[in-house]
Amino acid sequence: MSHRYRIVYRREECLGDAVCTAIDPDFWHMDRDGKASPASDHVEEEQLKDALLAEALCPARIIHIIR
């Protein structure tokens, strides 16, 4: 059985650098206002590697994966 991990994302603090979308374009997208948005408020275990990389490389440090 796959585990789910919650994403806590403070969108209002997004800098719009699009690092997350470069890492995982299937999960993150850029909105018209220049801020990123996730496809969901959780990731499955299969998506965890990319989610943790987006968390680590986000310049604003606003992506948090809760295990």
C-alpha atoms as a PDB file:
ATOM      1  CA  MET A   1       0.000   0.000   0.000  1.00  0.00           C
ATOM      2  CA  SER A   2       1.276   3.420  -0.965  1.00  0.00           C
ATOM      3  CA  HIS A   3       1.675   6.177   1.589  1.00  0.00           C
ATOM      4  CA  ARG A   4       0.379   9.694   1.088  1.00  0.00           C
ATOM      5  CA  TYR A   5       2.274  12.772   2.180  1.00  0.00           C
ATOM      6  CA  ARG A   6       0.676  16.143   2.801  1.00  0.00           C
ATOM      7  CA  ILE A   7       1.969  19.276   1.085  1.00  0.00           C
ATOM      8  CA  VAL A   8       1.900  22.532   2.989  1.00  0.00           C
ATOM      9  CA  TYR A   9       2.507  25.361   0.537  1.00  0.00           C
ATOM     10  CA  ARG A  10       2.380  29.080   1.351  1.00  0.00           C
ATOM     11  CA  ARG A  11       1.348  30.334  -2.088  1.00  0.00           C
ATOM     12  CA  GLU A  12       1.146  33.996  -1.071  1.00  0.00           C
ATOM     13  CA  GLU A  13       4.926  33.918  -0.455  1.00  0.00           C
ATOM     14  CA  CYS A  14       5.802  32.348  -3.829  1.00  0.00           C
ATOM     15  CA  LEU A  15       8.538  34.265  -5.677  1.00  0.00           C
ATOM     16  CA  GLY A  16       7.569  32.836  -9.058  1.00  0.00           C
ATOM     17  CA  ASP A  17      11.004  31.376  -9.798  1.00  0.00           C
ATOM     18  CA  ALA A  18       9.363  28.197 -11.202  1.00  0.00           C
ATOM     19  CA  VAL A  19      11.940  25.845  -9.686  1.00  0.00           C
ATOM     20  CA  CYS A  20       9.169  23.476  -8.608  1.00  0.00           C
ATOM     21  CA  THR A  21       7.655  23.400 -12.102  1.00  0.00           C
ATOM     22  CA  ALA A  22      11.067  22.625 -13.605  1.00  0.00           C
ATOM     23  CA  ILE A  23      11.500  19.721 -11.192  1.00  0.00           C
ATOM     24  CA  ASP A  24       8.003  18.271 -11.534  1.00  0.00           C
ATOM     25  CA  PRO A  25       5.940  19.865 -14.325  1.00  0.00           C
ATOM     26  CA  ASP A  26       3.277  17.173 -14.011  1.00  0.00           C
ATOM     27  CA  PHE A  27       2.538  18.249 -10.432  1.00  0.00           C
ATOM     28  CA  TRP A  28       3.336  21.991 -10.315  1.00  0.00           C
ATOM     29  CA  HIS A  29       2.117  24.683 -12.694  1.00  0.00           C
ATOM     30  CA  MET A  30       2.496  28.427 -12.974  1.00  0.00           C
ATOM     31  CA  ASP A  31      -0.661  30.502 -12.703  1.00  0.00           C
ATOM     32  CA  ARG A  32      -1.390  33.689 -14.623  1.00  0.00           C
ATOM     33  CA  ASP A  33      -0.315  35.771 -11.636  1.00  0.00           C
ATOM     34  CA  GLY A  34       3.190  34.283 -11.836  1.00  0.00           C
ATOM     35  CA  LYS A  35       2.871  32.082  -8.763  1.00  0.00           C
ATOM     36  CA  ALA A  36       3.117  28.306  -8.687  1.00  0.00           C
ATOM     37  CA  SER A  37       0.317  25.987  -7.630  1.00  0.00           C
ATOM     38  CA  PRO A  38       0.382  22.269  -6.877  1.00  0.00           C
ATOM     39  CA  ALA A  39      -2.026  19.843  -8.532  1.00  0.00           C
ATOM     40  CA  SER A  40      -3.066  18.534  -5.109  1.00  0.00           C
ATOM     41  CA  ASP A  41      -2.508  18.997  -1.386  1.00  0.00           C
ATOM     42  CA  HIS A  42      -0.818  15.605  -1.162  1.00  0.00           C
ATOM     43  CA  VAL A  43       1.629  13.389  -3.008  1.00  0.00           C
ATOM     44  CA  GLU A  44       1.799   9.645  -3.236  1.00  0.00           C
ATOM     45  CA  GLU A  45       4.923   7.734  -2.267  1.00  0.00           C
ATOM     46  CA  GLU A  46       5.820   7.357  -5.958  1.00  0.00           C
ATOM     47  CA  GLN A  47       5.962  11.170  -6.256  1.00  0.00           C
ATOM     48  CA  LEU A  48       7.895  11.728  -3.047  1.00  0.00           C
ATOM     49  CA  LYS A  49      11.395  12.015  -4.550  1.00  0.00           C
ATOM     50  CA  ASP A  50      10.413  14.944  -6.793  1.00  0.00           C
ATOM     51  CA  ALA A  51       8.333  16.530  -4.020  1.00  0.00           C
ATOM     52  CA  LEU A  52      11.276  16.473  -1.612  1.00  0.00           C
ATOM     53  CA  LEU A  53      13.549  17.932  -4.285  1.00  0.00           C
ATOM     54  CA  ALA A  54      11.077  20.770  -4.917  1.00  0.00           C
ATOM     55  CA  GLU A  55      10.908  21.364  -1.158  1.00  0.00           C
ATOM     56  CA  ALA A  56      14.708  21.479  -0.853  1.00  0.00           C
ATOM     57  CA  LEU A  57      15.322  23.731  -3.863  1.00  0.00           C
ATOM     58  CA  CYS A  58      12.456  26.207  -3.479  1.00  0.00           C
ATOM     59  CA  PRO A  59      14.184  29.615  -3.147  1.00  0.00           C
ATOM     60  CA  ALA A  60      11.401  30.942  -0.904  1.00  0.00           C
ATOM     61  CA  ARG A  61      11.350  27.788   1.293  1.00  0.00           C
ATOM     62  CA  ILE A  62       7.552  27.672   1.176  1.00  0.00           C
ATOM     63  CA  ILE A  63       7.011  24.033   0.194  1.00  0.00           C
ATOM     64  CA  HIS A  64       6.840  21.571   3.072  1.00  0.00           C
ATOM     65  CA  ILE A  65       6.224  17.838   2.829  1.00  0.00           C
ATOM     66  CA  ILE A  66       4.614  16.389   5.946  1.00  0.00           C
ATOM     67  CA  ARG A  67       5.329  12.710   6.402  1.00  0.00           C
END
